[in-house]
Full PDB file with SEQRES, HELIX, SHEET, SSBOND, CRYST1, ORIGX, SCALE, CONECT and MASTER records, all heavy atoms in Angstrom:
SEQRES   1 A   41  LEU LYS ALA VAL ASN SER GLY GLU VAL PRO ALA GLY ILE          
SEQRES   2 A   41  SER TYR HIS TYR TYR TRP TYR LYS ASP ARG ALA SER GLY          
SEQRES   3 A   41  GLY THR GLY SER GLY ASN ALA GLU LEU HIS PHE PHE GLY          
SEQRES   4 A   41  HIS ALA                                                      
HELIX    1 AA1 LYS A    2  SER A    6  1                                   5    
HELIX    2 AA2 HIS A   16  ALA A   24  1                                   9    
CRYST1    1.000    1.000    1.000  90.00  90.00  90.00 P 1           1          
ORIGX1      1.000000  0.000000  0.000000        0.00000                         
ORIGX2      0.000000  1.000000  0.000000        0.00000                         
ORIGX3      0.000000  0.000000  1.000000        0.00000                         
SCALE1      1.000000  0.000000  0.000000        0.00000                         
SCALE2      0.000000  1.000000  0.000000        0.00000                         
SCALE3      0.000000  0.000000  1.000000        0.00000                         
ATOM      1  N   LEU A   1       0.773  -1.227  -0.040  1.00  0.00           N  
ATOM      2  CA  LEU A   1      -0.104   0.033   0.035  1.00  0.00           C  
ATOM      3  C   LEU A   1       0.871   1.306  -0.014  1.00  0.00           C  
ATOM      4  O   LEU A   1       0.588   2.228  -0.682  1.00  0.00           O  
ATOM      5  CB  LEU A   1      -0.862   0.031   1.235  1.00  0.00           C  
ATOM      6  CG  LEU A   1      -1.797   1.229   1.262  1.00  0.00           C  
ATOM      7  CD1 LEU A   1      -2.837   1.341   0.171  1.00  0.00           C  
ATOM      8  CD2 LEU A   1      -2.611   1.140   2.672  1.00  0.00           C  
ATOM      9  N   LYS A   2       1.879   1.224   0.839  1.00  0.00           N  
ATOM     10  CA  LYS A   2       2.830   2.404   0.886  1.00  0.00           C  
ATOM     11  C   LYS A   2       3.476   2.605  -0.398  1.00  0.00           C  
ATOM     12  O   LYS A   2       3.617   3.822  -0.936  1.00  0.00           O  
ATOM     13  CB  LYS A   2       3.807   2.109   1.981  1.00  0.00           C  
ATOM     14  CG  LYS A   2       4.844   3.358   2.248  1.00  0.00           C  
ATOM     15  CD  LYS A   2       5.745   3.092   3.274  1.00  0.00           C  
ATOM     16  CE  LYS A   2       6.807   4.168   3.532  1.00  0.00           C  
ATOM     17  NZ  LYS A   2       7.763   3.913   4.580  1.00  0.00           N  
ATOM     18  N   ALA A   3       3.952   1.573  -1.107  1.00  0.00           N  
ATOM     19  CA  ALA A   3       4.691   1.630  -2.456  1.00  0.00           C  
ATOM     20  C   ALA A   3       3.680   2.241  -3.520  1.00  0.00           C  
ATOM     21  O   ALA A   3       4.182   2.954  -4.297  1.00  0.00           O  
ATOM     22  CB  ALA A   3       5.253   0.329  -2.773  1.00  0.00           C  
ATOM     23  N   VAL A   4       2.558   1.690  -3.457  1.00  0.00           N  
ATOM     24  CA  VAL A   4       1.532   2.131  -4.457  1.00  0.00           C  
ATOM     25  C   VAL A   4       1.188   3.667  -4.281  1.00  0.00           C  
ATOM     26  O   VAL A   4       1.142   4.337  -5.145  1.00  0.00           O  
ATOM     27  CB  VAL A   4       0.208   1.279  -4.484  1.00  0.00           C  
ATOM     28  CG1 VAL A   4      -0.823   1.873  -5.195  1.00  0.00           C  
ATOM     29  CG2 VAL A   4       0.526  -0.184  -4.823  1.00  0.00           C  
ATOM     30  N   ASN A   5       0.972   3.979  -3.052  1.00  0.00           N  
ATOM     31  CA  ASN A   5       0.570   5.389  -2.710  1.00  0.00           C  
ATOM     32  C   ASN A   5       1.636   6.337  -3.095  1.00  0.00           C  
ATOM     33  O   ASN A   5       1.312   7.439  -3.468  1.00  0.00           O  
ATOM     34  CB  ASN A   5       0.173   5.447  -1.301  1.00  0.00           C  
ATOM     35  CG  ASN A   5      -0.427   6.819  -0.931  1.00  0.00           C  
ATOM     36  OD1 ASN A   5      -1.473   7.053  -1.358  1.00  0.00           O  
ATOM     37  ND2 ASN A   5       0.245   7.532  -0.089  1.00  0.00           N  
ATOM     38  N   SER A   6       2.841   5.923  -2.850  1.00  0.00           N  
ATOM     39  CA  SER A   6       3.986   6.852  -3.155  1.00  0.00           C  
ATOM     40  C   SER A   6       4.434   6.817  -4.678  1.00  0.00           C  
ATOM     41  O   SER A   6       5.199   7.706  -5.233  1.00  0.00           O  
ATOM     42  CB  SER A   6       5.273   6.403  -2.448  1.00  0.00           C  
ATOM     43  OG  SER A   6       5.689   5.147  -2.936  1.00  0.00           O  
ATOM     44  N   GLY A   7       3.796   5.958  -5.526  1.00  0.00           N  
ATOM     45  CA  GLY A   7       4.133   5.779  -6.858  1.00  0.00           C  
ATOM     46  C   GLY A   7       5.282   4.958  -7.204  1.00  0.00           C  
ATOM     47  O   GLY A   7       5.723   4.936  -8.327  1.00  0.00           O  
ATOM     48  N   GLU A   8       5.750   4.319  -6.189  1.00  0.00           N  
ATOM     49  CA  GLU A   8       6.912   3.440  -6.445  1.00  0.00           C  
ATOM     50  C   GLU A   8       6.493   2.322  -7.319  1.00  0.00           C  
ATOM     51  O   GLU A   8       7.450   1.757  -8.149  1.00  0.00           O  
ATOM     52  CB  GLU A   8       7.513   2.807  -5.102  1.00  0.00           C  
ATOM     53  CG  GLU A   8       8.579   1.855  -5.134  1.00  0.00           C  
ATOM     54  CD  GLU A   8       8.927   1.383  -3.780  1.00  0.00           C  
ATOM     55  OE1 GLU A   8       9.042   2.049  -2.776  1.00  0.00           O  
ATOM     56  OE2 GLU A   8       9.136   0.109  -3.648  1.00  0.00           O  
ATOM     57  N   VAL A   9       5.344   1.893  -7.226  1.00  0.00           N  
ATOM     58  CA  VAL A   9       4.816   0.858  -8.042  1.00  0.00           C  
ATOM     59  C   VAL A   9       3.339   1.103  -8.459  1.00  0.00           C  
ATOM     60  O   VAL A   9       2.654   1.659  -7.609  1.00  0.00           O  
ATOM     61  CB  VAL A   9       4.903  -0.608  -7.409  1.00  0.00           C  
ATOM     62  CG1 VAL A   9       4.128  -0.711  -6.282  1.00  0.00           C  
ATOM     63  CG2 VAL A   9       4.607  -1.746  -8.448  1.00  0.00           C  
ATOM     64  N   PRO A  10       2.905   0.899  -9.682  1.00  0.00           N  
ATOM     65  CA  PRO A  10       1.557   1.345  -9.999  1.00  0.00           C  
ATOM     66  C   PRO A  10       0.397   0.649  -9.270  1.00  0.00           C  
ATOM     67  O   PRO A  10      -0.682   1.251  -9.117  1.00  0.00           O  
ATOM     68  CB  PRO A  10       1.366   1.131 -11.511  1.00  0.00           C  
ATOM     69  CG  PRO A  10       2.889   1.122 -11.999  1.00  0.00           C  
ATOM     70  CD  PRO A  10       3.602   0.550 -10.920  1.00  0.00           C  
ATOM     71  N   ALA A  11       0.642  -0.658  -8.876  1.00  0.00           N  
ATOM     72  CA  ALA A  11      -0.430  -1.422  -8.355  1.00  0.00           C  
ATOM     73  C   ALA A  11       0.027  -2.587  -7.507  1.00  0.00           C  
ATOM     74  O   ALA A  11       1.246  -2.913  -7.457  1.00  0.00           O  
ATOM     75  CB  ALA A  11      -1.377  -1.977  -9.426  1.00  0.00           C  
ATOM     76  N   GLY A  12      -0.809  -3.100  -6.732  1.00  0.00           N  
ATOM     77  CA  GLY A  12      -0.444  -4.241  -5.898  1.00  0.00           C  
ATOM     78  C   GLY A  12      -1.553  -5.221  -5.475  1.00  0.00           C  
ATOM     79  O   GLY A  12      -2.731  -4.648  -5.429  1.00  0.00           O  
ATOM     80  N   ILE A  13      -1.409  -6.498  -5.361  1.00  0.00           N  
ATOM     81  CA  ILE A  13      -2.436  -7.419  -4.916  1.00  0.00           C  
ATOM     82  C   ILE A  13      -2.457  -7.385  -3.374  1.00  0.00           C  
ATOM     83  O   ILE A  13      -1.368  -7.482  -2.773  1.00  0.00           O  
ATOM     84  CB  ILE A  13      -2.138  -8.871  -5.466  1.00  0.00           C  
ATOM     85  CG1 ILE A  13      -2.000  -8.916  -6.837  1.00  0.00           C  
ATOM     86  CG2 ILE A  13      -3.093  -9.931  -4.770  1.00  0.00           C  
ATOM     87  CD1 ILE A  13      -1.631 -10.279  -7.537  1.00  0.00           C  
ATOM     88  N   SER A  14      -3.729  -7.218  -2.875  1.00  0.00           N  
ATOM     89  CA  SER A  14      -3.719  -7.117  -1.301  1.00  0.00           C  
ATOM     90  C   SER A  14      -5.092  -7.550  -1.023  1.00  0.00           C  
ATOM     91  O   SER A  14      -5.958  -8.157  -1.821  1.00  0.00           O  
ATOM     92  CB  SER A  14      -3.532  -5.563  -1.134  1.00  0.00           C  
ATOM     93  OG  SER A  14      -3.659  -5.310   0.287  1.00  0.00           O  
ATOM     94  N   TYR A  15      -5.528  -7.334   0.202  1.00  0.00           N  
ATOM     95  CA  TYR A  15      -6.854  -7.448   0.790  1.00  0.00           C  
ATOM     96  C   TYR A  15      -7.501  -6.167   1.010  1.00  0.00           C  
ATOM     97  O   TYR A  15      -6.638  -5.030   1.291  1.00  0.00           O  
ATOM     98  CB  TYR A  15      -6.973  -8.235   1.973  1.00  0.00           C  
ATOM     99  CG  TYR A  15      -6.808  -9.664   1.874  1.00  0.00           C  
ATOM    100  CD1 TYR A  15      -6.238 -10.516   2.948  1.00  0.00           C  
ATOM    101  CD2 TYR A  15      -7.161 -10.385   0.719  1.00  0.00           C  
ATOM    102  CE1 TYR A  15      -6.267 -11.946   2.834  1.00  0.00           C  
ATOM    103  CE2 TYR A  15      -7.167 -11.733   0.578  1.00  0.00           C  
ATOM    104  CZ  TYR A  15      -6.668 -12.530   1.686  1.00  0.00           C  
ATOM    105  OH  TYR A  15      -6.556 -13.765   1.630  1.00  0.00           O  
ATOM    106  N   HIS A  16      -8.771  -6.052   0.941  1.00  0.00           N  
ATOM    107  CA  HIS A  16      -9.406  -4.682   0.974  1.00  0.00           C  
ATOM    108  C   HIS A  16      -9.119  -3.914   2.239  1.00  0.00           C  
ATOM    109  O   HIS A  16      -9.053  -2.585   2.269  1.00  0.00           O  
ATOM    110  CB  HIS A  16     -10.890  -4.847   0.840  1.00  0.00           C  
ATOM    111  CG  HIS A  16     -11.496  -5.383   2.104  1.00  0.00           C  
ATOM    112  ND1 HIS A  16     -11.566  -6.687   2.537  1.00  0.00           N  
ATOM    113  CD2 HIS A  16     -12.189  -4.682   3.062  1.00  0.00           C  
ATOM    114  CE1 HIS A  16     -12.127  -6.852   3.634  1.00  0.00           C  
ATOM    115  NE2 HIS A  16     -12.525  -5.651   3.993  1.00  0.00           N  
ATOM    116  N   TYR A  17      -8.965  -4.517   3.352  1.00  0.00           N  
ATOM    117  CA  TYR A  17      -9.088  -3.834   4.673  1.00  0.00           C  
ATOM    118  C   TYR A  17      -7.867  -2.973   4.983  1.00  0.00           C  
ATOM    119  O   TYR A  17      -7.883  -2.015   5.870  1.00  0.00           O  
ATOM    120  CB  TYR A  17      -9.361  -4.780   5.860  1.00  0.00           C  
ATOM    121  CG  TYR A  17      -8.190  -5.751   6.133  1.00  0.00           C  
ATOM    122  CD1 TYR A  17      -7.309  -5.502   7.123  1.00  0.00           C  
ATOM    123  CD2 TYR A  17      -8.253  -6.956   5.453  1.00  0.00           C  
ATOM    124  CE1 TYR A  17      -6.324  -6.322   7.446  1.00  0.00           C  
ATOM    125  CE2 TYR A  17      -7.173  -7.944   5.808  1.00  0.00           C  
ATOM    126  CZ  TYR A  17      -6.234  -7.538   6.799  1.00  0.00           C  
ATOM    127  OH  TYR A  17      -5.295  -8.441   7.057  1.00  0.00           O  
ATOM    128  N   TYR A  18      -6.779  -3.242   4.402  1.00  0.00           N  
ATOM    129  CA  TYR A  18      -5.546  -2.326   4.637  1.00  0.00           C  
ATOM    130  C   TYR A  18      -5.890  -0.923   4.138  1.00  0.00           C  
ATOM    131  O   TYR A  18      -5.438   0.042   4.818  1.00  0.00           O  
ATOM    132  CB  TYR A  18      -4.329  -2.933   3.880  1.00  0.00           C  
ATOM    133  CG  TYR A  18      -3.854  -4.279   4.418  1.00  0.00           C  
ATOM    134  CD1 TYR A  18      -4.235  -5.471   3.929  1.00  0.00           C  
ATOM    135  CD2 TYR A  18      -2.987  -4.269   5.513  1.00  0.00           C  
ATOM    136  CE1 TYR A  18      -3.944  -6.721   4.416  1.00  0.00           C  
ATOM    137  CE2 TYR A  18      -2.554  -5.556   6.089  1.00  0.00           C  
ATOM    138  CZ  TYR A  18      -3.060  -6.653   5.578  1.00  0.00           C  
ATOM    139  OH  TYR A  18      -2.643  -7.860   6.055  1.00  0.00           O  
ATOM    140  N   TRP A  19      -6.438  -0.768   3.020  1.00  0.00           N  
ATOM    141  CA  TRP A  19      -6.890   0.584   2.438  1.00  0.00           C  
ATOM    142  C   TRP A  19      -7.862   1.199   3.405  1.00  0.00           C  
ATOM    143  O   TRP A  19      -7.746   2.370   3.614  1.00  0.00           O  
ATOM    144  CB  TRP A  19      -7.202   0.336   0.976  1.00  0.00           C  
ATOM    145  CG  TRP A  19      -7.524   1.586   0.232  1.00  0.00           C  
ATOM    146  CD1 TRP A  19      -6.753   2.393  -0.451  1.00  0.00           C  
ATOM    147  CD2 TRP A  19      -8.888   2.336   0.057  1.00  0.00           C  
ATOM    148  NE1 TRP A  19      -7.335   3.546  -0.954  1.00  0.00           N  
ATOM    149  CE2 TRP A  19      -8.683   3.357  -0.651  1.00  0.00           C  
ATOM    150  CE3 TRP A  19     -10.110   1.957   0.740  1.00  0.00           C  
ATOM    151  CZ2 TRP A  19      -9.832   4.351  -0.900  1.00  0.00           C  
ATOM    152  CZ3 TRP A  19     -11.130   2.746   0.459  1.00  0.00           C  
ATOM    153  CH2 TRP A  19     -10.976   3.860  -0.320  1.00  0.00           C  
ATOM    154  N   TYR A  20      -8.855   0.455   3.582  1.00  0.00           N  
ATOM    155  CA  TYR A  20      -9.900   1.013   4.475  1.00  0.00           C  
ATOM    156  C   TYR A  20      -9.570   1.433   5.868  1.00  0.00           C  
ATOM    157  O   TYR A  20      -9.881   2.454   6.345  1.00  0.00           O  
ATOM    158  CB  TYR A  20     -11.075  -0.041   4.475  1.00  0.00           C  
ATOM    159  CG  TYR A  20     -11.987  -0.147   3.501  1.00  0.00           C  
ATOM    160  CD1 TYR A  20     -11.970  -1.167   2.485  1.00  0.00           C  
ATOM    161  CD2 TYR A  20     -12.935   0.894   3.149  1.00  0.00           C  
ATOM    162  CE1 TYR A  20     -12.797  -1.156   1.476  1.00  0.00           C  
ATOM    163  CE2 TYR A  20     -13.882   0.840   2.105  1.00  0.00           C  
ATOM    164  CZ  TYR A  20     -13.795  -0.264   1.215  1.00  0.00           C  
ATOM    165  OH  TYR A  20     -14.603  -0.221   0.131  1.00  0.00           O  
ATOM    166  N   LYS A  21      -8.546   0.678   6.452  1.00  0.00           N  
ATOM    167  CA  LYS A  21      -8.132   1.057   7.767  1.00  0.00           C  
ATOM    168  C   LYS A  21      -7.263   2.303   7.671  1.00  0.00           C  
ATOM    169  O   LYS A  21      -7.380   3.132   8.540  1.00  0.00           O  
ATOM    170  CB  LYS A  21      -7.189  -0.119   8.298  1.00  0.00           C  
ATOM    171  CG  LYS A  21      -8.164  -1.269   8.823  1.00  0.00           C  
ATOM    172  CD  LYS A  21      -7.265  -2.550   9.167  1.00  0.00           C  
ATOM    173  CE  LYS A  21      -6.375  -2.272  10.567  1.00  0.00           C  
ATOM    174  NZ  LYS A  21      -5.678  -3.417  10.919  1.00  0.00           N  
ATOM    175  N   ASP A  22      -6.442   2.498   6.640  1.00  0.00           N  
ATOM    176  CA  ASP A  22      -5.672   3.728   6.524  1.00  0.00           C  
ATOM    177  C   ASP A  22      -6.668   4.888   6.327  1.00  0.00           C  
ATOM    178  O   ASP A  22      -6.407   5.821   6.841  1.00  0.00           O  
ATOM    179  CB  ASP A  22      -4.729   3.513   5.253  1.00  0.00           C  
ATOM    180  CG  ASP A  22      -3.765   4.757   5.231  1.00  0.00           C  
ATOM    181  OD1 ASP A  22      -2.728   4.695   5.973  1.00  0.00           O  
ATOM    182  OD2 ASP A  22      -4.033   5.645   4.466  1.00  0.00           O  
ATOM    183  N   ARG A  23      -7.683   4.684   5.402  1.00  0.00           N  
ATOM    184  CA  ARG A  23      -8.504   5.842   5.143  1.00  0.00           C  
ATOM    185  C   ARG A  23      -9.315   6.157   6.411  1.00  0.00           C  
ATOM    186  O   ARG A  23      -9.569   7.426   6.626  1.00  0.00           O  
ATOM    187  CB  ARG A  23      -9.650   5.337   4.023  1.00  0.00           C  
ATOM    188  CG  ARG A  23      -8.947   5.468   2.598  1.00  0.00           C  
ATOM    189  CD  ARG A  23      -8.736   6.944   2.246  1.00  0.00           C  
ATOM    190  NE  ARG A  23      -8.028   6.983   0.881  1.00  0.00           N  
ATOM    191  CZ  ARG A  23      -8.702   7.249  -0.268  1.00  0.00           C  
ATOM    192  NH1 ARG A  23      -9.959   7.278  -0.279  1.00  0.00           N  
ATOM    193  NH2 ARG A  23      -7.949   7.279  -1.330  1.00  0.00           N  
ATOM    194  N   ALA A  24      -9.694   5.183   7.172  1.00  0.00           N  
ATOM    195  CA  ALA A  24     -10.360   5.410   8.473  1.00  0.00           C  
ATOM    196  C   ALA A  24      -9.525   6.227   9.444  1.00  0.00           C  
ATOM    197  O   ALA A  24     -10.141   7.022  10.368  1.00  0.00           O  
ATOM    198  CB  ALA A  24     -10.909   4.305   9.020  1.00  0.00           C  
ATOM    199  N   SER A  25      -8.175   5.996   9.329  1.00  0.00           N  
ATOM    200  CA  SER A  25      -7.337   6.692  10.326  1.00  0.00           C  
ATOM    201  C   SER A  25      -6.686   8.055   9.747  1.00  0.00           C  
ATOM    202  O   SER A  25      -5.767   8.587  10.211  1.00  0.00           O  
ATOM    203  CB  SER A  25      -6.184   5.744  10.680  1.00  0.00           C  
ATOM    204  OG  SER A  25      -5.497   5.416   9.579  1.00  0.00           O  
ATOM    205  N   GLY A  26      -7.224   8.582   8.629  1.00  0.00           N  
ATOM    206  CA  GLY A  26      -6.728   9.886   8.099  1.00  0.00           C  
ATOM    207  C   GLY A  26      -6.337   9.808   6.607  1.00  0.00           C  
ATOM    208  O   GLY A  26      -6.175  10.791   5.899  1.00  0.00           O  
ATOM    209  N   GLY A  27      -6.039   8.580   6.027  1.00  0.00           N  
ATOM    210  CA  GLY A  27      -5.702   8.408   4.662  1.00  0.00           C  
ATOM    211  C   GLY A  27      -4.224   8.851   4.273  1.00  0.00           C  
ATOM    212  O   GLY A  27      -3.962   9.021   3.051  1.00  0.00           O  
ATOM    213  N   THR A  28      -3.414   8.994   5.392  1.00  0.00           N  
ATOM    214  CA  THR A  28      -2.052   9.479   4.943  1.00  0.00           C  
ATOM    215  C   THR A  28      -1.223   8.503   4.017  1.00  0.00           C  
ATOM    216  O   THR A  28      -0.417   8.925   3.403  1.00  0.00           O  
ATOM    217  CB  THR A  28      -1.241   9.835   6.276  1.00  0.00           C  
ATOM    218  OG1 THR A  28      -1.153   8.504   6.977  1.00  0.00           O  
ATOM    219  CG2 THR A  28      -1.788  10.946   7.113  1.00  0.00           C  
ATOM    220  N   GLY A  29      -1.546   7.280   4.177  1.00  0.00           N  
ATOM    221  CA  GLY A  29      -0.876   6.226   3.306  1.00  0.00           C  
ATOM    222  C   GLY A  29      -1.625   5.633   2.072  1.00  0.00           C  
ATOM    223  O   GLY A  29      -1.231   4.707   1.486  1.00  0.00           O  
ATOM    224  N   SER A  30      -2.794   6.287   1.860  1.00  0.00           N  
ATOM    225  CA  SER A  30      -3.560   5.770   0.678  1.00  0.00           C  
ATOM    226  C   SER A  30      -4.327   6.881  -0.036  1.00  0.00           C  
ATOM    227  O   SER A  30      -5.197   6.622  -0.852  1.00  0.00           O  
ATOM    228  CB  SER A  30      -4.738   4.968   1.424  1.00  0.00           C  
ATOM    229  OG  SER A  30      -5.578   5.774   2.270  1.00  0.00           O  
ATOM    230  N   GLY A  31      -3.929   8.158   0.176  1.00  0.00           N  
ATOM    231  CA  GLY A  31      -4.635   9.241  -0.491  1.00  0.00           C  
ATOM    232  C   GLY A  31      -4.448   9.168  -2.033  1.00  0.00           C  
ATOM    233  O   GLY A  31      -5.367   9.728  -2.719  1.00  0.00           O  
ATOM    234  N   ASN A  32      -3.472   8.569  -2.424  1.00  0.00           N  
ATOM    235  CA  ASN A  32      -3.186   8.472  -3.976  1.00  0.00           C  
ATOM    236  C   ASN A  32      -3.548   7.091  -4.449  1.00  0.00           C  
ATOM    237  O   ASN A  32      -3.376   6.833  -5.671  1.00  0.00           O  
ATOM    238  CB  ASN A  32      -1.766   8.717  -4.295  1.00  0.00           C  
ATOM    239  CG  ASN A  32      -1.311  10.234  -3.812  1.00  0.00           C  
ATOM    240  OD1 ASN A  32      -2.064  11.143  -3.992  1.00  0.00           O  
ATOM    241  ND2 ASN A  32      -0.032  10.270  -3.330  1.00  0.00           N  
ATOM    242  N   ALA A  33      -4.263   6.333  -3.675  1.00  0.00           N  
ATOM    243  CA  ALA A  33      -4.615   4.940  -4.243  1.00  0.00           C  
ATOM    244  C   ALA A  33      -6.032   4.737  -3.996  1.00  0.00           C  
ATOM    245  O   ALA A  33      -6.707   5.251  -3.099  1.00  0.00           O  
ATOM    246  CB  ALA A  33      -3.795   4.009  -3.238  1.00  0.00           C  
ATOM    247  N   GLU A  34      -6.575   3.884  -4.883  1.00  0.00           N  
ATOM    248  CA  GLU A  34      -7.956   3.390  -4.864  1.00  0.00           C  
ATOM    249  C   GLU A  34      -7.943   1.850  -5.128  1.00  0.00           C  
ATOM    250  O   GLU A  34      -6.922   1.206  -5.409  1.00  0.00           O  
ATOM    251  CB  GLU A  34      -8.795   4.107  -5.926  1.00  0.00           C  
ATOM    252  CG  GLU A  34      -8.933   5.576  -5.843  1.00  0.00           C  
ATOM    253  CD  GLU A  34      -9.913   5.906  -4.695  1.00  0.00           C  
ATOM    254  OE1 GLU A  34     -10.577   5.038  -4.259  1.00  0.00           O  
ATOM    255  OE2 GLU A  34      -9.797   7.118  -4.251  1.00  0.00           O  
ATOM    256  N   LEU A  35      -9.115   1.279  -4.716  1.00  0.00           N  
ATOM    257  CA  LEU A  35      -9.248  -0.210  -4.755  1.00  0.00           C  
ATOM    258  C   LEU A  35     -10.045  -0.566  -6.115  1.00  0.00           C  
ATOM    259  O   LEU A  35     -10.942   0.132  -6.391  1.00  0.00           O  
ATOM    260  CB  LEU A  35      -9.955  -0.661  -3.660  1.00  0.00           C  
ATOM    261  CG  LEU A  35      -9.359  -0.540  -2.304  1.00  0.00           C  
ATOM    262  CD1 LEU A  35     -10.109  -1.278  -1.189  1.00  0.00           C  
ATOM    263  CD2 LEU A  35      -7.867  -0.935  -2.227  1.00  0.00           C  
ATOM    264  N   HIS A  36      -9.466  -1.604  -6.740  1.00  0.00           N  
ATOM    265  CA  HIS A  36     -10.163  -2.233  -7.848  1.00  0.00           C  
ATOM    266  C   HIS A  36     -10.655  -3.616  -7.352  1.00  0.00           C  
ATOM    267  O   HIS A  36      -9.851  -4.478  -7.081  1.00  0.00           O  
ATOM    268  CB  HIS A  36      -9.148  -2.374  -8.999  1.00  0.00           C  
ATOM    269  CG  HIS A  36      -9.713  -3.126 -10.133  1.00  0.00           C  
ATOM    270  ND1 HIS A  36     -11.060  -2.853 -10.693  1.00  0.00           N  
ATOM    271  CD2 HIS A  36      -9.329  -4.107 -10.986  1.00  0.00           C  
ATOM    272  CE1 HIS A  36     -11.169  -3.645 -11.792  1.00  0.00           C  
ATOM    273  NE2 HIS A  36     -10.147  -4.473 -11.905  1.00  0.00           N  
ATOM    274  N   PHE A  37     -11.938  -3.661  -7.403  1.00  0.00           N  
ATOM    275  CA  PHE A  37     -12.571  -4.993  -7.074  1.00  0.00           C  
ATOM    276  C   PHE A  37     -12.921  -5.770  -8.397  1.00  0.00           C  
ATOM    277  O   PHE A  37     -13.653  -5.198  -9.310  1.00  0.00           O  
ATOM    278  CB  PHE A  37     -13.790  -4.856  -6.339  1.00  0.00           C  
ATOM    279  CG  PHE A  37     -13.747  -4.336  -4.892  1.00  0.00           C  
ATOM    280  CD1 PHE A  37     -13.597  -2.913  -4.678  1.00  0.00           C  
ATOM    281  CD2 PHE A  37     -13.688  -5.125  -3.819  1.00  0.00           C  
ATOM    282  CE1 PHE A  37     -13.484  -2.361  -3.418  1.00  0.00           C  
ATOM    283  CE2 PHE A  37     -13.536  -4.559  -2.576  1.00  0.00           C  
ATOM    284  CZ  PHE A  37     -13.379  -3.332  -2.311  1.00  0.00           C  
ATOM    285  N   PHE A  38     -12.234  -6.885  -8.536  1.00  0.00           N  
ATOM    286  CA  PHE A  38     -12.379  -7.637  -9.805  1.00  0.00           C  
ATOM    287  C   PHE A  38     -13.798  -7.997 -10.181  1.00  0.00           C  
ATOM    288  O   PHE A  38     -14.331  -7.847 -11.335  1.00  0.00           O  
ATOM    289  CB  PHE A  38     -11.467  -8.767  -9.989  1.00  0.00           C  
ATOM    290  CG  PHE A  38      -9.975  -8.432 -10.126  1.00  0.00           C  
ATOM    291  CD1 PHE A  38      -9.189  -8.358  -8.966  1.00  0.00           C  
ATOM    292  CD2 PHE A  38      -9.470  -8.158 -11.282  1.00  0.00           C  
ATOM    293  CE1 PHE A  38      -7.841  -8.051  -9.128  1.00  0.00           C  
ATOM    294  CE2 PHE A  38      -8.078  -7.776 -11.537  1.00  0.00           C  
ATOM    295  CZ  PHE A  38      -7.196  -7.721 -10.306  1.00  0.00           C  
ATOM    296  N   GLY A  39     -14.527  -8.633  -9.143  1.00  0.00           N  
ATOM    297  CA  GLY A  39     -15.889  -9.035  -9.449  1.00  0.00           C  
ATOM    298  C   GLY A  39     -16.014 -10.109 -10.401  1.00  0.00           C  
ATOM    299  O   GLY A  39     -15.000 -10.800 -10.808  1.00  0.00           O  
ATOM    300  N   HIS A  40     -17.218 -10.335 -11.009  1.00  0.00           N  
ATOM    301  CA  HIS A  40     -17.457 -11.250 -12.076  1.00  0.00           C  
ATOM    302  C   HIS A  40     -17.001 -12.653 -11.813  1.00  0.00           C  
ATOM    303  O   HIS A  40     -16.511 -13.416 -12.766  1.00  0.00           O  
ATOM    304  CB  HIS A  40     -16.805 -10.714 -13.343  1.00  0.00           C  
ATOM    305  CG  HIS A  40     -17.092  -9.299 -13.795  1.00  0.00           C  
ATOM    306  ND1 HIS A  40     -18.494  -8.995 -14.190  1.00  0.00           N  
ATOM    307  CD2 HIS A  40     -16.456  -8.197 -13.716  1.00  0.00           C  
ATOM    308  CE1 HIS A  40     -18.528  -7.655 -14.462  1.00  0.00           C  
ATOM    309  NE2 HIS A  40     -17.432  -7.089 -14.200  1.00  0.00           N  
ATOM    310  N   ALA A  41     -17.009 -13.028 -10.526  1.00  0.00           N  
ATOM    311  CA  ALA A  41     -16.458 -14.417 -10.199  1.00  0.00           C  
ATOM    312  C   ALA A  41     -15.079 -14.644 -10.557  1.00  0.00           C  
ATOM    313  O   ALA A  41     -14.725 -15.915 -10.656  1.00  0.00           O  
ATOM    314  CB  ALA A  41     -17.418 -15.498 -10.651  1.00  0.00           C  
TER     315      ALA A  41                                                      
MASTER        0    0    0    2    0    0    0    6  314    1    0    4          
END                                                                             
């Protein structure tokens, strides 16, 4: 998450809650990042 947010790498495989926890605590580590939910099974 830190690497994606800083632009070190464009994306990363993760679980949803790391981003949500950071946003809930102020978003300092996720302000430049969003989540892509693949869906479609």
